[in-house]
Amino acid sequence: MNSYFSNRYNNQNYLESSGINKGYLLMLGFTDEEINILQRLMVDGARIAINSMVSMGLNYQSAQRIKYMHSIVIGKVIINNTDDLSKHLRMMRNSSKKIGIYDLPLTKVKKVPRYAAVAGIKKAPFDIFNSSNYKGIDMFYEVVGVYGNRVTVKSKNKPVIKYGQPKGIEGVLEIRKLLEDGTILVSFENKFVRLLNRFLVVASLRRPQEHHGLAEILCLDGTKVYVYAQTLPFNSITVNRSTQRVYDYGMLGSDMRNKICDAAREVYNNVYGVYCSWEDGNSIYNIEADKQEQESDDIYSDIEF
């Protein structure tokens, strides 16, 4: 730095008479030295142009940053929203390094079980299977297979069956097998089972057209990362998405926001996040799978998802 900037650099008369909001500029990422140089130039009425500053002894990159800072100070550049802030951070970036998909935490979910709810079983002891008897995740049964008009699930709920009593109800359900893990396989007639969608919590550098809730993360380099929930239809099991990372899944809409926020916190720390905002979903999550064979009677009205 030549004598123009060094001789009177710390003169408080110059620092206090320019009207610059120093705290705001520091918050935007400019250094103390850069701000003080701009103040000195403005008070002296110097020409704030890159070539002029270079001729005074600044290097080109520093002159470029001070010229850009001056545009903010005089209102030529306004930062009012995350899009403005994203552009600002890209301008301030000192490195060619840019956040990409490989900077996101790796996918944690590659396979998602299928689930169903059961209702309308009126005969004891088999009414133990009704989902309305339980809350949260305990309401749901993992689906093993769908065969014609029958749905087979795994159940940890086991009815107490007396000796000689049938292991099922004709036309309703049949207990098929006891598994090694202590659960049982139960086949239900289609009308007593409601197949369920699930939602995935994913992260991507592309803003989705539709989502059920979204956290927008602004990174230090100006890149935006989106963490959001989308429906995974009942028939989908494996997850293979090259442009997304998959971090969680669930069934209940009431769990969705917490799962998105938990994933967003982890992503935020990985991508040098500087700001995060929440956006409500623009599409409705429907837990019930769109399956034409499912009868739309009212036997499920007592299930509160």
C-alpha atoms as a PDB file:
ATOM      1  CA  MET A   1       0.000   0.000   0.000  1.00  0.00           C
ATOM      2  CA  ASN A   2       1.516   3.368  -0.978  1.00  0.00           C
ATOM      3  CA  SER A   3       1.642   6.520   1.098  1.00  0.00           C
ATOM      4  CA  TYR A   4      -1.762   7.792  -0.031  1.00  0.00           C
ATOM      5  CA  PHE A   5      -3.495   5.078   1.974  1.00  0.00           C
ATOM      6  CA  SER A   6      -0.968   4.663   4.797  1.00  0.00           C
ATOM      7  CA  ASN A   7      -0.136   8.221   5.866  1.00  0.00           C
ATOM      8  CA  ARG A   8      -3.588   9.253   7.109  1.00  0.00           C
ATOM      9  CA  TYR A   9      -5.243   5.842   7.266  1.00  0.00           C
ATOM     10  CA  ASN A  10      -6.193   6.072  10.961  1.00  0.00           C
ATOM     11  CA  ASN A  11      -7.280   9.703  11.017  1.00  0.00           C
ATOM     12  CA  GLN A  12     -10.651   9.580  12.850  1.00  0.00           C
ATOM     13  CA  ASN A  13     -11.843  12.787  11.151  1.00  0.00           C
ATOM     14  CA  TYR A  14     -11.915  10.901   7.872  1.00  0.00           C
ATOM     15  CA  LEU A  15     -13.490   7.769   9.347  1.00  0.00           C
ATOM     16  CA  GLU A  16     -16.378   9.636  10.969  1.00  0.00           C
ATOM     17  CA  SER A  17     -17.348  12.082   8.219  1.00  0.00           C
ATOM     18  CA  SER A  18     -18.216   9.743   5.352  1.00  0.00           C
ATOM     19  CA  GLY A  19     -21.588   8.544   6.697  1.00  0.00           C
ATOM     20  CA  ILE A  20     -20.754   4.891   5.986  1.00  0.00           C
ATOM     21  CA  ASN A  21     -22.532   2.201   8.023  1.00  0.00           C
ATOM     22  CA  LYS A  22     -19.419   0.277   9.002  1.00  0.00           C
ATOM     23  CA  GLY A  23     -21.244  -2.427  10.959  1.00  0.00           C
ATOM     24  CA  TYR A  24     -23.421  -3.260   7.955  1.00  0.00           C
ATOM     25  CA  LEU A  25     -20.437  -3.523   5.625  1.00  0.00           C
ATOM     26  CA  LEU A  26     -18.589  -5.751   8.079  1.00  0.00           C
ATOM     27  CA  MET A  27     -21.648  -7.983   8.211  1.00  0.00           C
ATOM     28  CA  LEU A  28     -21.555  -8.230   4.406  1.00  0.00           C
ATOM     29  CA  GLY A  29     -18.005  -9.564   4.567  1.00  0.00           C
ATOM     30  CA  PHE A  30     -15.818  -6.535   3.876  1.00  0.00           C
ATOM     31  CA  THR A  31     -12.727  -6.072   6.027  1.00  0.00           C
ATOM     32  CA  ASP A  32     -11.909  -3.212   8.377  1.00  0.00           C
ATOM     33  CA  GLU A  33      -9.079  -2.181   6.074  1.00  0.00           C
ATOM     34  CA  GLU A  34     -11.269  -2.124   2.959  1.00  0.00           C
ATOM     35  CA  ILE A  35     -13.964  -0.056   4.693  1.00  0.00           C
ATOM     36  CA  ASN A  36     -11.462   2.472   6.029  1.00  0.00           C
ATOM     37  CA  ILE A  37      -9.906   2.896   2.580  1.00  0.00           C
ATOM     38  CA  LEU A  38     -13.320   3.587   1.052  1.00  0.00           C
ATOM     39  CA  GLN A  39     -14.079   6.104   3.792  1.00  0.00           C
ATOM     40  CA  ARG A  40     -10.758   7.871   3.118  1.00  0.00           C
ATOM     41  CA  LEU A  41     -11.458   8.050  -0.623  1.00  0.00           C
ATOM     42  CA  MET A  42     -15.004   9.338  -0.192  1.00  0.00           C
ATOM     43  CA  VAL A  43     -14.027  12.053   2.286  1.00  0.00           C
ATOM     44  CA  ASP A  44     -11.190  13.226   0.014  1.00  0.00           C
ATOM     45  CA  GLY A  45     -13.512  13.253  -2.990  1.00  0.00           C
ATOM     46  CA  ALA A  46     -11.207  10.882  -4.841  1.00  0.00           C
ATOM     47  CA  ARG A  47     -12.371   9.108  -7.995  1.00  0.00           C
ATOM     48  CA  ILE A  48     -13.524   5.642  -6.945  1.00  0.00           C
ATOM     49  CA  ALA A  49     -12.595   3.661 -10.026  1.00  0.00           C
ATOM     50  CA  ILE A  50     -10.586   0.443 -10.226  1.00  0.00           C
ATOM     51  CA  ASN A  51      -7.796   1.889 -12.399  1.00  0.00           C
ATOM     52  CA  SER A  52      -7.469   4.952 -10.180  1.00  0.00           C
ATOM     53  CA  MET A  53      -7.151   2.849  -7.044  1.00  0.00           C
ATOM     54  CA  VAL A  54      -4.602   0.564  -8.704  1.00  0.00           C
ATOM     55  CA  SER A  55      -2.517   3.619  -9.654  1.00  0.00           C
ATOM     56  CA  MET A  56      -2.608   4.643  -5.989  1.00  0.00           C
ATOM     57  CA  GLY A  57      -1.047   1.338  -4.926  1.00  0.00           C
ATOM     58  CA  LEU A  58      -3.915  -1.136  -4.421  1.00  0.00           C
ATOM     59  CA  ASN A  59      -3.864  -4.508  -6.155  1.00  0.00           C
ATOM     60  CA  TYR A  60      -6.591  -5.175  -8.719  1.00  0.00           C
ATOM     61  CA  GLN A  61      -8.651  -7.567  -6.554  1.00  0.00           C
ATOM     62  CA  SER A  62      -8.762  -5.149  -3.604  1.00  0.00           C
ATOM     63  CA  ALA A  63      -9.695  -2.250  -5.911  1.00  0.00           C
ATOM     64  CA  GLN A  64     -12.469  -4.343  -7.438  1.00  0.00           C
ATOM     65  CA  ARG A  65     -13.916  -5.160  -3.983  1.00  0.00           C
ATOM     66  CA  ILE A  66     -13.783  -1.518  -2.857  1.00  0.00           C
ATOM     67  CA  LYS A  67     -15.455  -0.356  -6.065  1.00  0.00           C
ATOM     68  CA  TYR A  68     -18.217  -2.924  -5.485  1.00  0.00           C
ATOM     69  CA  MET A  69     -18.542  -1.828  -1.829  1.00  0.00           C
ATOM     70  CA  HIS A  70     -18.949   1.764  -3.021  1.00  0.00           C
ATOM     71  CA  SER A  71     -21.838   0.660  -5.252  1.00  0.00           C
ATOM     72  CA  ILE A  72     -23.544  -0.717  -2.132  1.00  0.00           C
ATOM     73  CA  VAL A  73     -22.893   2.445  -0.104  1.00  0.00           C
ATOM     74  CA  ILE A  74     -24.391   4.777  -2.752  1.00  0.00           C
ATOM     75  CA  GLY A  75     -27.402   2.487  -3.327  1.00  0.00           C
ATOM     76  CA  LYS A  76     -26.442   1.269  -6.789  1.00  0.00           C
ATOM     77  CA  VAL A  77     -26.433  -2.289  -5.412  1.00  0.00           C
ATOM     78  CA  ILE A  78     -29.279  -3.111  -3.017  1.00  0.00           C
ATOM     79  CA  ILE A  79     -29.429  -6.276  -0.901  1.00  0.00           C
ATOM     80  CA  ASN A  80     -33.019  -6.817   0.178  1.00  0.00           C
ATOM     81  CA  ASN A  81     -33.642 -10.553  -0.167  1.00  0.00           C
ATOM     82  CA  THR A  82     -31.909 -13.923  -0.463  1.00  0.00           C
ATOM     83  CA  ASP A  83     -31.523 -13.601  -4.236  1.00  0.00           C
ATOM     84  CA  ASP A  84     -29.690 -10.289  -3.742  1.00  0.00           C
ATOM     85  CA  LEU A  85     -27.603 -11.822  -0.968  1.00  0.00           C
ATOM     86  CA  SER A  86     -26.746 -14.809  -3.175  1.00  0.00           C
ATOM     87  CA  LYS A  87     -25.449 -12.464  -5.903  1.00  0.00           C
ATOM     88  CA  HIS A  88     -23.493 -10.523  -3.280  1.00  0.00           C
ATOM     89  CA  LEU A  89     -21.808 -13.649  -1.931  1.00  0.00           C
ATOM     90  CA  ARG A  90     -20.841 -14.720  -5.447  1.00  0.00           C
ATOM     91  CA  MET A  91     -19.244 -11.296  -5.958  1.00  0.00           C
ATOM     92  CA  MET A  92     -17.338 -11.612  -2.682  1.00  0.00           C
ATOM     93  CA  ARG A  93     -16.059 -15.121  -3.335  1.00  0.00           C
ATOM     94  CA  ASN A  94     -12.264 -15.176  -3.424  1.00  0.00           C
ATOM     95  CA  SER A  95     -11.997 -18.723  -4.741  1.00  0.00           C
ATOM     96  CA  SER A  96     -13.236 -20.586  -7.767  1.00  0.00           C
ATOM     97  CA  LYS A  97     -14.558 -23.265  -5.385  1.00  0.00           C
ATOM     98  CA  LYS A  98     -18.318 -23.617  -5.744  1.00  0.00           C
ATOM     99  CA  ILE A  99     -20.637 -25.785  -3.658  1.00  0.00           C
ATOM    100  CA  GLY A 100     -21.802 -28.853  -5.597  1.00  0.00           C
ATOM    101  CA  ILE A 101     -23.742 -32.050  -5.020  1.00  0.00           C
ATOM    102  CA  TYR A 102     -20.593 -33.750  -3.705  1.00  0.00           C
ATOM    103  CA  ASP A 103     -20.398 -31.240  -0.833  1.00  0.00           C
ATOM    104  CA  LEU A 104     -23.738 -32.442   0.555  1.00  0.00           C
ATOM    105  CA  PRO A 105     -23.801 -35.189   3.199  1.00  0.00           C
ATOM    106  CA  LEU A 106     -24.153 -38.611   1.578  1.00  0.00           C
ATOM    107  CA  THR A 107     -27.529 -40.277   1.099  1.00  0.00           C
ATOM    108  CA  LYS A 108     -28.653 -42.119   4.236  1.00  0.00           C
ATOM    109  CA  VAL A 109     -31.755 -43.834   2.848  1.00  0.00           C
ATOM    110  CA  LYS A 110     -31.569 -46.162  -0.145  1.00  0.00           C
ATOM    111  CA  LYS A 111     -34.558 -48.414   0.484  1.00  0.00           C
ATOM    112  CA  VAL A 112     -37.906 -47.563   2.058  1.00  0.00           C
ATOM    113  CA  PRO A 113     -40.336 -50.266   3.233  1.00  0.00           C
ATOM    114  CA  ARG A 114     -43.951 -50.159   2.083  1.00  0.00           C
ATOM    115  CA  TYR A 115     -46.604 -49.650   4.739  1.00  0.00           C
ATOM    116  CA  ALA A 116     -50.348 -50.064   5.216  1.00  0.00           C
ATOM    117  CA  ALA A 117     -53.062 -49.353   7.786  1.00  0.00           C
ATOM    118  CA  VAL A 118     -55.717 -51.874   8.820  1.00  0.00           C
ATOM    119  CA  ALA A 119     -59.315 -51.136   9.815  1.00  0.00           C
ATOM    120  CA  GLY A 120     -62.737 -52.689  10.062  1.00  0.00           C
ATOM    121  CA  ILE A 121     -61.805 -55.926  11.895  1.00  0.00           C
ATOM    122  CA  LYS A 122     -64.693 -56.388  14.338  1.00  0.00           C
ATOM    123  CA  LYS A 123     -64.267 -59.920  15.642  1.00  0.00           C
ATOM    124  CA  ALA A 124     -62.105 -60.528  18.720  1.00  0.00           C
ATOM    125  CA  PRO A 125     -59.291 -61.342  19.208  1.00  0.00           C
ATOM    126  CA  PHE A 126     -58.401 -60.264  15.655  1.00  0.00           C
ATOM    127  CA  ASP A 127     -59.590 -56.690  16.211  1.00  0.00           C
ATOM    128  CA  ILE A 128     -56.147 -56.209  17.771  1.00  0.00           C
ATOM    129  CA  PHE A 129     -54.921 -55.536  14.225  1.00  0.00           C
ATOM    130  CA  ASN A 130     -56.975 -52.340  13.759  1.00  0.00           C
ATOM    131  CA  SER A 131     -54.614 -49.378  13.347  1.00  0.00           C
ATOM    132  CA  SER A 132     -56.906 -47.172  15.427  1.00  0.00           C
ATOM    133  CA  ASN A 133     -55.702 -49.069  18.508  1.00  0.00           C
ATOM    134  CA  TYR A 134     -52.264 -47.476  18.160  1.00  0.00           C
ATOM    135  CA  LYS A 135     -50.524 -44.141  17.692  1.00  0.00           C
ATOM    136  CA  GLY A 136     -47.704 -42.873  15.503  1.00  0.00           C
ATOM    137  CA  ILE A 137     -45.486 -45.388  13.759  1.00  0.00           C
ATOM    138  CA  ASP A 138     -47.148 -48.244  15.657  1.00  0.00           C
ATOM    139  CA  MET A 139     -50.279 -47.723  13.536  1.00  0.00           C
ATOM    140  CA  PHE A 140     -48.545 -48.979  10.404  1.00  0.00           C
ATOM    141  CA  TYR A 141     -47.739 -52.456   9.141  1.00  0.00           C
ATOM    142  CA  GLU A 142     -44.853 -53.240   6.829  1.00  0.00           C
ATOM    143  CA  VAL A 143     -46.197 -54.691   3.589  1.00  0.00           C
ATOM    144  CA  VAL A 144     -44.535 -57.905   2.423  1.00  0.00           C
ATOM    145  CA  GLY A 145     -46.591 -58.395  -0.723  1.00  0.00           C
ATOM    146  CA  VAL A 146     -49.732 -57.496  -2.617  1.00  0.00           C
ATOM    147  CA  TYR A 147     -51.252 -60.464  -4.401  1.00  0.00           C
ATOM    148  CA  GLY A 148     -54.553 -59.991  -6.222  1.00  0.00           C
ATOM    149  CA  ASN A 149     -57.140 -59.029  -3.623  1.00  0.00           C
ATOM    150  CA  ARG A 150     -54.858 -59.852  -0.676  1.00  0.00           C
ATOM    151  CA  VAL A 151     -52.242 -57.778   1.140  1.00  0.00           C
ATOM    152  CA  THR A 152     -49.690 -59.544   3.357  1.00  0.00           C
ATOM    153  CA  VAL A 153     -48.044 -57.606   6.175  1.00  0.00           C
ATOM    154  CA  LYS A 154     -45.646 -58.174   9.066  1.00  0.00           C
ATOM    155  CA  SER A 155     -47.173 -57.598  12.482  1.00  0.00           C
ATOM    156  CA  LYS A 156     -45.732 -57.497  15.975  1.00  0.00           C
ATOM    157  CA  ASN A 157     -49.319 -57.416  17.256  1.00  0.00           C
ATOM    158  CA  LYS A 158     -50.318 -61.032  17.936  1.00  0.00           C
ATOM    159  CA  PRO A 159     -53.842 -62.014  18.956  1.00  0.00           C
ATOM    160  CA  VAL A 160     -54.263 -64.559  21.748  1.00  0.00           C
ATOM    161  CA  ILE A 161     -55.866 -67.537  20.003  1.00  0.00           C
ATOM    162  CA  LYS A 162     -57.333 -70.371  22.047  1.00  0.00           C
ATOM    163  CA  TYR A 163     -56.449 -73.955  21.234  1.00  0.00           C
ATOM    164  CA  GLY A 164     -58.435 -75.183  18.271  1.00  0.00           C
ATOM    165  CA  GLN A 165     -59.617 -71.708  17.287  1.00  0.00           C
ATOM    166  CA  PRO A 166     -59.122 -70.778  13.594  1.00  0.00           C
ATOM    167  CA  LYS A 167     -56.101 -68.585  12.828  1.00  0.00           C
ATOM    168  CA  GLY A 168     -58.158 -66.060  10.979  1.00  0.00           C
ATOM    169  CA  ILE A 169     -61.559 -64.983   9.755  1.00  0.00           C
ATOM    170  CA  GLU A 170     -62.830 -66.319   6.462  1.00  0.00           C
ATOM    171  CA  GLY A 171     -63.034 -63.577   3.861  1.00  0.00           C
ATOM    172  CA  VAL A 172     -61.195 -61.153   6.152  1.00  0.00           C
ATOM    173  CA  LEU A 173     -57.727 -62.298   7.265  1.00  0.00           C
ATOM    174  CA  GLU A 174     -55.458 -65.271   7.794  1.00  0.00           C
ATOM    175  CA  ILE A 175     -52.369 -65.593  10.010  1.00  0.00           C
ATOM    176  CA  ARG A 176     -49.834 -67.249   7.750  1.00  0.00           C
ATOM    177  CA  LYS A 177     -46.587 -67.705   9.628  1.00  0.00           C
ATOM    178  CA  LEU A 178     -44.548 -66.939  12.747  1.00  0.00           C
ATOM    179  CA  LEU A 179     -41.205 -65.378  11.812  1.00  0.00           C
ATOM    180  CA  GLU A 180     -37.863 -65.791  13.567  1.00  0.00           C
ATOM    181  CA  ASP A 181     -37.898 -62.189  14.826  1.00  0.00           C
ATOM    182  CA  GLY A 182     -41.141 -62.832  16.710  1.00  0.00           C
ATOM    183  CA  THR A 183     -43.419 -61.054  14.234  1.00  0.00           C
ATOM    184  CA  ILE A 184     -46.133 -62.787  12.229  1.00  0.00           C
ATOM    185  CA  LEU A 185     -47.220 -62.677   8.613  1.00  0.00           C
ATOM    186  CA  VAL A 186     -50.897 -61.805   8.180  1.00  0.00           C
ATOM    187  CA  SER A 187     -52.823 -61.724   4.902  1.00  0.00           C
ATOM    188  CA  PHE A 188     -55.828 -59.385   4.776  1.00  0.00           C
ATOM    189  CA  GLU A 189     -58.543 -59.089   2.188  1.00  0.00           C
ATOM    190  CA  ASN A 190     -57.990 -55.897   0.213  1.00  0.00           C
ATOM    191  CA  LYS A 191     -60.989 -53.997   1.629  1.00  0.00           C
ATOM    192  CA  PHE A 192     -59.557 -54.073   5.170  1.00  0.00           C
ATOM    193  CA  VAL A 193     -56.193 -52.583   4.208  1.00  0.00           C
ATOM    194  CA  ARG A 194     -55.299 -49.052   3.186  1.00  0.00           C
ATOM    195  CA  LEU A 195     -51.993 -48.805   1.314  1.00  0.00           C
ATOM    196  CA  LEU A 196     -49.928 -45.767   2.248  1.00  0.00           C
ATOM    197  CA  ASN A 197     -47.611 -43.323   0.560  1.00  0.00           C
ATOM    198  CA  ARG A 198     -44.499 -42.090   2.341  1.00  0.00           C
ATOM    199  CA  PHE A 199     -42.569 -38.869   2.071  1.00  0.00           C
ATOM    200  CA  LEU A 200     -38.847 -38.503   1.476  1.00  0.00           C
ATOM    201  CA  VAL A 201     -36.648 -35.746   2.876  1.00  0.00           C
ATOM    202  CA  VAL A 202     -34.097 -34.814   0.225  1.00  0.00           C
ATOM    203  CA  ALA A 203     -31.520 -32.129  -0.556  1.00  0.00           C
ATOM    204  CA  SER A 204     -30.756 -30.734  -3.991  1.00  0.00           C
ATOM    205  CA  LEU A 205     -29.105 -27.764  -5.676  1.00  0.00           C
ATOM    206  CA  ARG A 206     -32.209 -27.459  -7.852  1.00  0.00           C
ATOM    207  CA  ARG A 207     -35.365 -25.836  -6.516  1.00  0.00           C
ATOM    208  CA  PRO A 208     -38.240 -28.344  -6.871  1.00  0.00           C
ATOM    209  CA  GLN A 209     -41.420 -27.330  -8.661  1.00  0.00           C
ATOM    210  CA  GLU A 210     -43.524 -29.109  -6.016  1.00  0.00           C
ATOM    211  CA  HIS A 211     -42.765 -29.878  -2.387  1.00  0.00           C
ATOM    212  CA  HIS A 212     -44.472 -30.379   0.975  1.00  0.00           C
ATOM    213  CA  GLY A 213     -42.209 -27.932   2.838  1.00  0.00           C
ATOM    214  CA  LEU A 214     -38.771 -26.548   2.031  1.00  0.00           C
ATOM    215  CA  ALA A 215     -35.718 -25.120   3.792  1.00  0.00           C
ATOM    216  CA  GLU A 216     -33.628 -22.857   1.546  1.00  0.00           C
ATOM    217  CA  ILE A 217     -29.981 -22.662   2.587  1.00  0.00           C
ATOM    218  CA  LEU A 218     -27.763 -19.868   1.293  1.00  0.00           C
ATOM    219  CA  CYS A 219     -24.097 -20.887   1.245  1.00  0.00           C
ATOM    220  CA  LEU A 220     -21.038 -18.720   1.722  1.00  0.00           C
ATOM    221  CA  ASP A 221     -20.240 -18.840  -2.005  1.00  0.00           C
ATOM    222  CA  GLY A 222     -23.764 -17.704  -2.983  1.00  0.00           C
ATOM    223  CA  THR A 223     -25.013 -21.173  -3.933  1.00  0.00           C
ATOM    224  CA  LYS A 224     -28.481 -22.183  -2.755  1.00  0.00           C
ATOM    225  CA  VAL A 225     -29.264 -25.662  -1.441  1.00  0.00           C
ATOM    226  CA  TYR A 226     -32.835 -26.864  -0.958  1.00  0.00           C
ATOM    227  CA  VAL A 227     -33.902 -29.403   1.661  1.00  0.00           C
ATOM    228  CA  TYR A 228     -37.502 -30.491   1.247  1.00  0.00           C
ATOM    229  CA  ALA A 229     -40.091 -33.276   1.391  1.00  0.00           C
ATOM    230  CA  GLN A 230     -41.713 -35.021  -1.560  1.00  0.00           C
ATOM    231  CA  THR A 231     -44.139 -37.936  -1.823  1.00  0.00           C
ATOM    232  CA  LEU A 232     -42.780 -41.425  -2.397  1.00  0.00           C
ATOM    233  CA  PRO A 233     -45.652 -43.445  -3.921  1.00  0.00           C
ATOM    234  CA  PHE A 234     -46.570 -46.793  -2.353  1.00  0.00           C
ATOM    235  CA  ASN A 235     -45.110 -48.920  -5.153  1.00  0.00           C
ATOM    236  CA  SER A 236     -41.662 -47.266  -4.940  1.00  0.00           C
ATOM    237  CA  ILE A 237     -39.184 -49.088  -2.701  1.00  0.00           C
ATOM    238  CA  THR A 238     -35.636 -48.320  -3.810  1.00  0.00           C
ATOM    239  CA  VAL A 239     -34.300 -44.760  -3.929  1.00  0.00           C
ATOM    240  CA  ASN A 240     -31.836 -43.902  -6.711  1.00  0.00           C
ATOM    241  CA  ARG A 241     -31.553 -40.167  -7.404  1.00  0.00           C
ATOM    242  CA  SER A 242     -28.403 -38.747  -8.962  1.00  0.00           C
ATOM    243  CA  THR A 243     -29.297 -35.071  -8.441  1.00  0.00           C
ATOM    244  CA  GLN A 244     -30.543 -35.441  -4.853  1.00  0.00           C
ATOM    245  CA  ARG A 245     -29.392 -36.710  -1.493  1.00  0.00           C
ATOM    246  CA  VAL A 246     -31.978 -38.636   0.543  1.00  0.00           C
ATOM    247  CA  TYR A 247     -31.801 -38.260   4.333  1.00  0.00           C
ATOM    248  CA  ASP A 248     -35.054 -39.479   5.859  1.00  0.00           C
ATOM    249  CA  TYR A 249     -38.576 -40.708   5.242  1.00  0.00           C
ATOM    250  CA  GLY A 250     -41.862 -40.867   7.106  1.00  0.00           C
ATOM    251  CA  MET A 251     -45.598 -41.413   6.826  1.00  0.00           C
ATOM    252  CA  LEU A 252     -47.256 -38.862   9.079  1.00  0.00           C
ATOM    253  CA  GLY A 253     -47.488 -35.298   7.805  1.00  0.00           C
ATOM    254  CA  SER A 254     -47.126 -34.078  11.405  1.00  0.00           C
ATOM    255  CA  ASP A 255     -43.543 -35.435  11.440  1.00  0.00           C
ATOM    256  CA  MET A 256     -42.542 -33.794   8.182  1.00  0.00           C
ATOM    257  CA  ARG A 257     -41.328 -30.350   9.242  1.00  0.00           C
ATOM    258  CA  ASN A 258     -39.158 -31.689  12.068  1.00  0.00           C
ATOM    259  CA  LYS A 259     -37.534 -34.209   9.732  1.00  0.00           C
ATOM    260  CA  ILE A 260     -36.843 -31.504   7.122  1.00  0.00           C
ATOM    261  CA  CYS A 261     -35.350 -29.175   9.740  1.00  0.00           C
ATOM    262  CA  ASP A 262     -33.157 -31.930  11.207  1.00  0.00           C
ATOM    263  CA  ALA A 263     -31.747 -32.684   7.746  1.00  0.00           C
ATOM    264  CA  ALA A 264     -31.342 -28.972   6.953  1.00  0.00           C
ATOM    265  CA  ARG A 265     -29.228 -28.421  10.092  1.00  0.00           C
ATOM    266  CA  GLU A 266     -26.784 -31.111   9.009  1.00  0.00           C
ATOM    267  CA  VAL A 267     -26.614 -29.832   5.425  1.00  0.00           C
ATOM    268  CA  TYR A 268     -26.179 -26.220   6.624  1.00  0.00           C
ATOM    269  CA  ASN A 269     -23.014 -27.129   8.534  1.00  0.00           C
ATOM    270  CA  ASN A 270     -21.587 -29.043   5.564  1.00  0.00           C
ATOM    271  CA  VAL A 271     -22.052 -26.326   2.941  1.00  0.00           C
ATOM    272  CA  TYR A 272     -20.863 -23.259   4.888  1.00  0.00           C
ATOM    273  CA  GLY A 273     -24.387 -21.970   5.310  1.00  0.00           C
ATOM    274  CA  VAL A 274     -24.897 -18.304   6.149  1.00  0.00           C
ATOM    275  CA  TYR A 275     -28.699 -18.080   6.091  1.00  0.00           C
ATOM    276  CA  CYS A 276     -31.660 -20.467   6.103  1.00  0.00           C
ATOM    277  CA  SER A 277     -35.328 -19.727   5.461  1.00  0.00           C
ATOM    278  CA  TRP A 278     -38.492 -21.841   5.597  1.00  0.00           C
ATOM    279  CA  GLU A 279     -41.160 -22.119   2.898  1.00  0.00           C
ATOM    280  CA  ASP A 280     -44.494 -23.879   3.357  1.00  0.00           C
ATOM    281  CA  GLY A 281     -45.378 -26.608   0.880  1.00  0.00           C
ATOM    282  CA  ASN A 282     -47.034 -25.819  -2.436  1.00  0.00           C
ATOM    283  CA  SER A 283     -48.534 -29.320  -2.762  1.00  0.00           C
ATOM    284  CA  ILE A 284     -50.603 -31.384  -0.337  1.00  0.00           C
ATOM    285  CA  TYR A 285     -49.232 -34.625   1.065  1.00  0.00           C
ATOM    286  CA  ASN A 286     -51.781 -37.444   0.904  1.00  0.00           C
ATOM    287  CA  ILE A 287     -50.834 -40.443   3.011  1.00  0.00           C
ATOM    288  CA  GLU A 288     -53.325 -42.729   1.282  1.00  0.00           C
ATOM    289  CA  ALA A 289     -51.970 -44.333  -1.873  1.00  0.00           C
ATOM    290  CA  ASP A 290     -53.878 -43.779  -5.084  1.00  0.00           C
ATOM    291  CA  LYS A 291     -54.974 -47.357  -5.660  1.00  0.00           C
ATOM    292  CA  GLN A 292     -58.147 -47.872  -7.678  1.00  0.00           C
ATOM    293  CA  GLU A 293     -58.856 -51.288  -6.162  1.00  0.00           C
ATOM    294  CA  GLN A 294     -59.109 -49.796  -2.694  1.00  0.00           C
ATOM    295  CA  GLU A 295     -62.739 -49.497  -1.720  1.00  0.00           C
ATOM    296  CA  SER A 296     -63.683 -46.021  -0.541  1.00  0.00           C
ATOM    297  CA  ASP A 297     -66.035 -47.049   2.265  1.00  0.00           C
ATOM    298  CA  ASP A 298     -65.964 -45.476   5.710  1.00  0.00           C
ATOM    299  CA  ILE A 299     -64.238 -48.227   7.694  1.00  0.00           C
ATOM    300  CA  TYR A 300     -61.113 -46.038   7.884  1.00  0.00           C
ATOM    301  CA  SER A 301     -62.856 -43.000   9.338  1.00  0.00           C
ATOM    302  CA  ASP A 302     -61.773 -43.951  12.863  1.00  0.00           C
ATOM    303  CA  ILE A 303     -58.057 -43.817  11.948  1.00  0.00           C
ATOM    304  CA  GLU A 304     -56.477 -40.460  12.749  1.00  0.00           C
ATOM    305  CA  PHE A 305     -53.284 -40.218  10.720  1.00  0.00           C
END
